[in-house]
Amino acid sequence: GKFGTYKKVEIMIEAIELIRRRTNQNLEIVIAGADSPNTPGYLESVKKKYAHVDQLCFTGYVEEETVPTIFEESAVVVFPYTSTTGSSGVLHQAGSYGKAVVLPELGDLSTLIKEEGYKGEFFNSYSVSSLADAIENILAHDSYREYLAKANYRAAIAIPMSKVVKMYIEYFKVIQVAKSKGFTLDVPLVEKNIVF
């Protein structure tokens, strides 16, 4: 991901620290990604602020060939978002690798996730204890984690990439036609009930 704007990692680090105090679990925190172009130096400042935290790993930009390893070695994928613009590409990746997810309870994201068939634990995006509870609920119950992982895998493969590409091409065509007619599309097509 690109961190620093609406993706903030401090809450996740503090939630894991809270879980460690509660349970004495030996958890590793992997922050996979780089700064958003709008927030240069963000992750470096987080590294300094949390230098005392054990097993805190910053991968930096993740090369495409390394993406599978990042997902395969994780027990849970956490989305420390404070806002969203709809669906998440990382969620689709997590699903394709069969991972349980922890997501913020944000209107558009939680609605889209449920509509697409994904499942996860939800948390208040500004509450460390809410995030800690959500992560702990998954980590404490292997069968629940496996249930979420399988549901997310099924959701990810339900729409093959060829269909996603076709949907985007059709969307771009609609934009092109609208522009040629002098219209602007200020509302996403999903909200206008245009189905691909």
C-alpha atoms as a PDB file:
ATOM      1  CA  GLY A   1       0.000   0.000   0.000  1.00  0.00           C
ATOM      2  CA  LYS A   2       0.774   3.682   0.000  1.00  0.00           C
ATOM      3  CA  PHE A   3       0.712   4.984   3.550  1.00  0.00           C
ATOM      4  CA  GLY A   4       0.317   8.339   5.229  1.00  0.00           C
ATOM      5  CA  THR A   5      -2.878   9.848   3.908  1.00  0.00           C
ATOM      6  CA  TYR A   6      -5.951   7.722   4.721  1.00  0.00           C
ATOM      7  CA  LYS A   7      -3.874   4.622   5.525  1.00  0.00           C
ATOM      8  CA  LYS A   8      -2.266   5.142   8.942  1.00  0.00           C
ATOM      9  CA  VAL A   9      -0.233   2.377  10.576  1.00  0.00           C
ATOM     10  CA  GLU A  10       0.108   3.762  14.110  1.00  0.00           C
ATOM     11  CA  ILE A  11      -3.254   2.322  15.177  1.00  0.00           C
ATOM     12  CA  MET A  12      -2.219  -1.144  13.985  1.00  0.00           C
ATOM     13  CA  ILE A  13       1.124  -1.047  15.795  1.00  0.00           C
ATOM     14  CA  GLU A  14      -0.566   0.067  19.009  1.00  0.00           C
ATOM     15  CA  ALA A  15      -3.276  -2.592  18.635  1.00  0.00           C
ATOM     16  CA  ILE A  16      -0.671  -5.347  18.289  1.00  0.00           C
ATOM     17  CA  GLU A  17       1.180  -3.999  21.327  1.00  0.00           C
ATOM     18  CA  LEU A  18      -2.123  -4.163  23.255  1.00  0.00           C
ATOM     19  CA  ILE A  19      -2.692  -7.776  22.153  1.00  0.00           C
ATOM     20  CA  ARG A  20       0.868  -8.676  23.187  1.00  0.00           C
ATOM     21  CA  ARG A  21       0.237  -7.257  26.675  1.00  0.00           C
ATOM     22  CA  ARG A  22      -3.076  -9.123  26.973  1.00  0.00           C
ATOM     23  CA  THR A  23      -1.927 -12.492  25.667  1.00  0.00           C
ATOM     24  CA  ASN A  24       1.882 -12.645  25.598  1.00  0.00           C
ATOM     25  CA  GLN A  25       1.589 -13.747  21.957  1.00  0.00           C
ATOM     26  CA  ASN A  26       4.716 -13.405  19.857  1.00  0.00           C
ATOM     27  CA  LEU A  27       3.278 -11.419  16.934  1.00  0.00           C
ATOM     28  CA  GLU A  28       5.221  -9.885  14.059  1.00  0.00           C
ATOM     29  CA  ILE A  29       3.994  -6.673  12.428  1.00  0.00           C
ATOM     30  CA  VAL A  30       4.795  -6.338   8.732  1.00  0.00           C
ATOM     31  CA  ILE A  31       4.045  -3.020   7.079  1.00  0.00           C
ATOM     32  CA  ALA A  32       4.217  -3.755   3.373  1.00  0.00           C
ATOM     33  CA  GLY A  33       4.444  -0.705   1.176  1.00  0.00           C
ATOM     34  CA  ALA A  34       5.810   2.793   0.909  1.00  0.00           C
ATOM     35  CA  ASP A  35       4.890   6.400   1.577  1.00  0.00           C
ATOM     36  CA  SER A  36       2.086   7.991  -0.361  1.00  0.00           C
ATOM     37  CA  PRO A  37       3.530  10.605  -2.739  1.00  0.00           C
ATOM     38  CA  ASN A  38       1.515  13.135  -0.693  1.00  0.00           C
ATOM     39  CA  THR A  39       3.255  12.196   2.584  1.00  0.00           C
ATOM     40  CA  PRO A  40       6.981  11.719   1.955  1.00  0.00           C
ATOM     41  CA  GLY A  41       8.841  10.624   5.082  1.00  0.00           C
ATOM     42  CA  TYR A  42       5.727   9.303   6.835  1.00  0.00           C
ATOM     43  CA  LEU A  43       6.932   5.719   7.330  1.00  0.00           C
ATOM     44  CA  GLU A  44      10.396   6.878   8.385  1.00  0.00           C
ATOM     45  CA  SER A  45       8.793   8.985  11.114  1.00  0.00           C
ATOM     46  CA  VAL A  46       6.714   5.981  12.213  1.00  0.00           C
ATOM     47  CA  LYS A  47       9.870   3.829  12.296  1.00  0.00           C
ATOM     48  CA  LYS A  48      11.529   6.328  14.619  1.00  0.00           C
ATOM     49  CA  LYS A  49       8.469   6.763  16.833  1.00  0.00           C
ATOM     50  CA  TYR A  50       8.071   3.002  17.297  1.00  0.00           C
ATOM     51  CA  ALA A  51      11.749   1.984  17.272  1.00  0.00           C
ATOM     52  CA  HIS A  52      11.189   0.347  20.678  1.00  0.00           C
ATOM     53  CA  VAL A  53       8.574  -2.084  19.282  1.00  0.00           C
ATOM     54  CA  ASP A  54       9.851  -5.625  18.776  1.00  0.00           C
ATOM     55  CA  GLN A  55       9.276  -7.488  15.532  1.00  0.00           C
ATOM     56  CA  LEU A  56       8.190  -4.429  13.566  1.00  0.00           C
ATOM     57  CA  CYS A  57       9.176  -4.817   9.914  1.00  0.00           C
ATOM     58  CA  PHE A  58       8.904  -2.205   7.156  1.00  0.00           C
ATOM     59  CA  THR A  59       9.301  -3.834   3.744  1.00  0.00           C
ATOM     60  CA  GLY A  60       9.297  -0.683   1.648  1.00  0.00           C
ATOM     61  CA  TYR A  61       7.933  -1.008  -1.869  1.00  0.00           C
ATOM     62  CA  VAL A  62       6.980  -4.629  -2.547  1.00  0.00           C
ATOM     63  CA  GLU A  63       8.119  -5.958  -5.915  1.00  0.00           C
ATOM     64  CA  GLU A  64       5.509  -8.000  -7.789  1.00  0.00           C
ATOM     65  CA  GLU A  65       7.404 -11.282  -7.377  1.00  0.00           C
ATOM     66  CA  THR A  66       7.505 -10.753  -3.578  1.00  0.00           C
ATOM     67  CA  VAL A  67       3.763 -10.111  -3.167  1.00  0.00           C
ATOM     68  CA  PRO A  68       2.856 -13.833  -2.838  1.00  0.00           C
ATOM     69  CA  THR A  69       5.388 -14.317  -0.025  1.00  0.00           C
ATOM     70  CA  ILE A  70       4.038 -11.334   1.926  1.00  0.00           C
ATOM     71  CA  PHE A  71       0.497 -12.731   1.823  1.00  0.00           C
ATOM     72  CA  GLU A  72       1.374 -16.403   2.253  1.00  0.00           C
ATOM     73  CA  GLU A  73       3.395 -15.731   5.414  1.00  0.00           C
ATOM     74  CA  SER A  74       0.675 -13.631   7.061  1.00  0.00           C
ATOM     75  CA  ALA A  75      -1.943 -14.891   9.496  1.00  0.00           C
ATOM     76  CA  VAL A  76      -4.235 -11.908   8.960  1.00  0.00           C
ATOM     77  CA  VAL A  77      -4.300  -8.819   6.732  1.00  0.00           C
ATOM     78  CA  VAL A  78      -5.187  -5.554   8.467  1.00  0.00           C
ATOM     79  CA  PHE A  79      -6.587  -2.499   6.675  1.00  0.00           C
ATOM     80  CA  PRO A  80      -5.786   0.517   8.872  1.00  0.00           C
ATOM     81  CA  TYR A  81      -7.854   2.944   6.774  1.00  0.00           C
ATOM     82  CA  THR A  82      -9.505   6.096   8.110  1.00  0.00           C
ATOM     83  CA  SER A  83     -11.514   6.608   4.921  1.00  0.00           C
ATOM     84  CA  THR A  84     -11.955   4.910   1.567  1.00  0.00           C
ATOM     85  CA  THR A  85     -12.897   5.578  -2.002  1.00  0.00           C
ATOM     86  CA  GLY A  86     -14.785   2.318  -2.417  1.00  0.00           C
ATOM     87  CA  SER A  87     -13.359  -1.135  -2.865  1.00  0.00           C
ATOM     88  CA  SER A  88      -9.752  -2.078  -2.150  1.00  0.00           C
ATOM     89  CA  GLY A  89      -7.298  -3.740  -4.521  1.00  0.00           C
ATOM     90  CA  VAL A  90      -5.382  -5.109  -1.542  1.00  0.00           C
ATOM     91  CA  LEU A  91      -8.597  -6.754  -0.293  1.00  0.00           C
ATOM     92  CA  HIS A  92      -8.935  -8.569  -3.612  1.00  0.00           C
ATOM     93  CA  GLN A  93      -5.306  -9.678  -3.362  1.00  0.00           C
ATOM     94  CA  ALA A  94      -5.821 -10.885   0.225  1.00  0.00           C
ATOM     95  CA  GLY A  95      -8.844 -12.846  -0.943  1.00  0.00           C
ATOM     96  CA  SER A  96      -6.965 -14.404  -3.834  1.00  0.00           C
ATOM     97  CA  TYR A  97      -4.384 -15.679  -1.319  1.00  0.00           C
ATOM     98  CA  GLY A  98      -7.120 -16.937   1.026  1.00  0.00           C
ATOM     99  CA  LYS A  99      -6.477 -14.605   3.961  1.00  0.00           C
ATOM    100  CA  ALA A 100      -8.646 -13.470   6.847  1.00  0.00           C
ATOM    101  CA  VAL A 101      -8.994  -9.699   6.989  1.00  0.00           C
ATOM    102  CA  VAL A 102      -9.627  -6.963   9.540  1.00  0.00           C
ATOM    103  CA  LEU A 103     -11.384  -3.922   8.093  1.00  0.00           C
ATOM    104  CA  PRO A 104     -12.593  -0.528   9.267  1.00  0.00           C
ATOM    105  CA  GLU A 105     -16.339  -0.105   9.667  1.00  0.00           C
ATOM    106  CA  LEU A 106     -16.659   2.559   6.990  1.00  0.00           C
ATOM    107  CA  GLY A 107     -19.949   2.862   5.126  1.00  0.00           C
ATOM    108  CA  ASP A 108     -18.930   2.455   1.497  1.00  0.00           C
ATOM    109  CA  LEU A 109     -16.181  -0.103   2.134  1.00  0.00           C
ATOM    110  CA  SER A 110     -18.196  -2.346   4.441  1.00  0.00           C
ATOM    111  CA  THR A 111     -21.181  -2.243   2.067  1.00  0.00           C
ATOM    112  CA  LEU A 112     -19.046  -3.131  -0.955  1.00  0.00           C
ATOM    113  CA  ILE A 113     -17.278  -5.918   0.903  1.00  0.00           C
ATOM    114  CA  LYS A 114     -20.537  -7.562   1.886  1.00  0.00           C
ATOM    115  CA  GLU A 115     -21.947  -7.160  -1.637  1.00  0.00           C
ATOM    116  CA  GLU A 116     -18.842  -8.778  -3.136  1.00  0.00           C
ATOM    117  CA  GLY A 117     -19.012 -11.701  -0.684  1.00  0.00           C
ATOM    118  CA  TYR A 118     -15.952 -10.911   1.419  1.00  0.00           C
ATOM    119  CA  LYS A 119     -15.963 -11.544   5.149  1.00  0.00           C
ATOM    120  CA  GLY A 120     -13.879 -10.136   7.960  1.00  0.00           C
ATOM    121  CA  GLU A 121     -13.759  -8.622  11.399  1.00  0.00           C
ATOM    122  CA  PHE A 122     -14.694  -4.940  11.490  1.00  0.00           C
ATOM    123  CA  PHE A 123     -13.337  -2.238  13.798  1.00  0.00           C
ATOM    124  CA  ASN A 124     -13.809   1.427  14.598  1.00  0.00           C
ATOM    125  CA  SER A 125     -11.126   3.140  12.506  1.00  0.00           C
ATOM    126  CA  TYR A 126     -10.131   5.471  15.356  1.00  0.00           C
ATOM    127  CA  SER A 127     -10.069   2.959  18.224  1.00  0.00           C
ATOM    128  CA  VAL A 128      -6.943   0.993  19.111  1.00  0.00           C
ATOM    129  CA  SER A 129      -8.902  -1.331  21.423  1.00  0.00           C
ATOM    130  CA  SER A 130     -11.530  -1.985  18.732  1.00  0.00           C
ATOM    131  CA  LEU A 131      -8.797  -2.957  16.263  1.00  0.00           C
ATOM    132  CA  ALA A 132      -7.042  -5.102  18.883  1.00  0.00           C
ATOM    133  CA  ASP A 133     -10.308  -6.926  19.627  1.00  0.00           C
ATOM    134  CA  ALA A 134     -10.914  -7.577  15.921  1.00  0.00           C
ATOM    135  CA  ILE A 135      -7.409  -8.939  15.319  1.00  0.00           C
ATOM    136  CA  GLU A 136      -7.534 -11.024  18.485  1.00  0.00           C
ATOM    137  CA  ASN A 137     -10.922 -12.516  17.514  1.00  0.00           C
ATOM    138  CA  ILE A 138      -9.301 -13.928  14.387  1.00  0.00           C
ATOM    139  CA  LEU A 139      -6.003 -15.012  15.914  1.00  0.00           C
ATOM    140  CA  ALA A 140      -7.627 -16.729  18.897  1.00  0.00           C
ATOM    141  CA  HIS A 141      -9.779 -19.057  16.791  1.00  0.00           C
ATOM    142  CA  ASP A 142      -8.123 -21.024  13.995  1.00  0.00           C
ATOM    143  CA  SER A 143     -11.429 -22.352  12.684  1.00  0.00           C
ATOM    144  CA  TYR A 144     -12.849 -18.815  12.437  1.00  0.00           C
ATOM    145  CA  ARG A 145      -9.708 -17.578  10.663  1.00  0.00           C
ATOM    146  CA  GLU A 146      -9.978 -20.467   8.192  1.00  0.00           C
ATOM    147  CA  TYR A 147     -13.691 -19.750   7.629  1.00  0.00           C
ATOM    148  CA  LEU A 148     -12.919 -16.097   6.790  1.00  0.00           C
ATOM    149  CA  ALA A 149      -9.980 -17.079   4.583  1.00  0.00           C
ATOM    150  CA  LYS A 150     -12.067 -19.546   2.563  1.00  0.00           C
ATOM    151  CA  ALA A 151     -14.948 -17.085   2.188  1.00  0.00           C
ATOM    152  CA  ASN A 152     -12.539 -14.419   0.937  1.00  0.00           C
ATOM    153  CA  TYR A 153     -10.925 -16.825  -1.502  1.00  0.00           C
ATOM    154  CA  ARG A 154     -14.359 -17.746  -2.902  1.00  0.00           C
ATOM    155  CA  ALA A 155     -15.232 -14.053  -3.231  1.00  0.00           C
ATOM    156  CA  ALA A 156     -11.943 -13.306  -5.005  1.00  0.00           C
ATOM    157  CA  ILE A 157     -12.326 -16.071  -7.593  1.00  0.00           C
ATOM    158  CA  ALA A 158     -16.043 -15.391  -8.162  1.00  0.00           C
ATOM    159  CA  ILE A 159     -15.177 -12.597 -10.582  1.00  0.00           C
ATOM    160  CA  PRO A 160     -12.260 -13.629 -12.791  1.00  0.00           C
ATOM    161  CA  MET A 161      -9.764 -10.979 -13.851  1.00  0.00           C
ATOM    162  CA  SER A 162     -11.011 -11.202 -17.439  1.00  0.00           C
ATOM    163  CA  LYS A 163     -14.435 -10.034 -16.270  1.00  0.00           C
ATOM    164  CA  VAL A 164     -12.918  -7.240 -14.165  1.00  0.00           C
ATOM    165  CA  VAL A 165     -10.964  -6.018 -17.199  1.00  0.00           C
ATOM    166  CA  LYS A 166     -14.117  -6.149 -19.317  1.00  0.00           C
ATOM    167  CA  MET A 167     -15.987  -4.118 -16.689  1.00  0.00           C
ATOM    168  CA  TYR A 168     -13.279  -1.443 -16.710  1.00  0.00           C
ATOM    169  CA  ILE A 169     -13.214  -1.281 -20.504  1.00  0.00           C
ATOM    170  CA  GLU A 170     -16.994  -0.858 -20.566  1.00  0.00           C
ATOM    171  CA  TYR A 171     -16.764   1.831 -17.893  1.00  0.00           C
ATOM    172  CA  PHE A 172     -14.113   3.700 -19.880  1.00  0.00           C
ATOM    173  CA  LYS A 173     -16.325   3.514 -22.985  1.00  0.00           C
ATOM    174  CA  VAL A 174     -19.212   5.044 -21.034  1.00  0.00           C
ATOM    175  CA  ILE A 175     -16.922   7.867 -19.878  1.00  0.00           C
ATOM    176  CA  GLN A 176     -15.748   8.418 -23.453  1.00  0.00           C
ATOM    177  CA  VAL A 177     -19.313   8.612 -24.777  1.00  0.00           C
ATOM    178  CA  ALA A 178     -20.383  10.886 -21.939  1.00  0.00           C
ATOM    179  CA  LYS A 179     -17.486  13.262 -22.628  1.00  0.00           C
ATOM    180  CA  SER A 180     -18.236  13.327 -26.351  1.00  0.00           C
ATOM    181  CA  LYS A 181     -21.821  14.352 -25.541  1.00  0.00           C
ATOM    182  CA  GLY A 182     -20.678  17.014 -23.060  1.00  0.00           C
ATOM    183  CA  PHE A 183     -21.770  15.151 -19.913  1.00  0.00           C
ATOM    184  CA  THR A 184     -19.726  14.715 -16.782  1.00  0.00           C
ATOM    185  CA  LEU A 185     -19.952  11.675 -14.554  1.00  0.00           C
ATOM    186  CA  ASP A 186     -19.775  13.021 -11.044  1.00  0.00           C
ATOM    187  CA  VAL A 187     -21.362   9.958  -9.413  1.00  0.00           C
ATOM    188  CA  PRO A 188     -19.858   6.469  -9.685  1.00  0.00           C
ATOM    189  CA  LEU A 189     -21.739   4.194 -12.065  1.00  0.00           C
ATOM    190  CA  VAL A 190     -22.479   1.745  -9.257  1.00  0.00           C
ATOM    191  CA  GLU A 191     -24.538   4.436  -7.529  1.00  0.00           C
ATOM    192  CA  LYS A 192     -26.454   5.039 -10.762  1.00  0.00           C
ATOM    193  CA  ASN A 193     -27.344   1.331 -10.912  1.00  0.00           C
ATOM    194  CA  ILE A 194     -25.545   0.810 -14.190  1.00  0.00           C
ATOM    195  CA  VAL A 195     -24.627  -2.856 -14.265  1.00  0.00           C
ATOM    196  CA  PHE A 196     -21.878  -4.359 -16.388  1.00  0.00           C
END
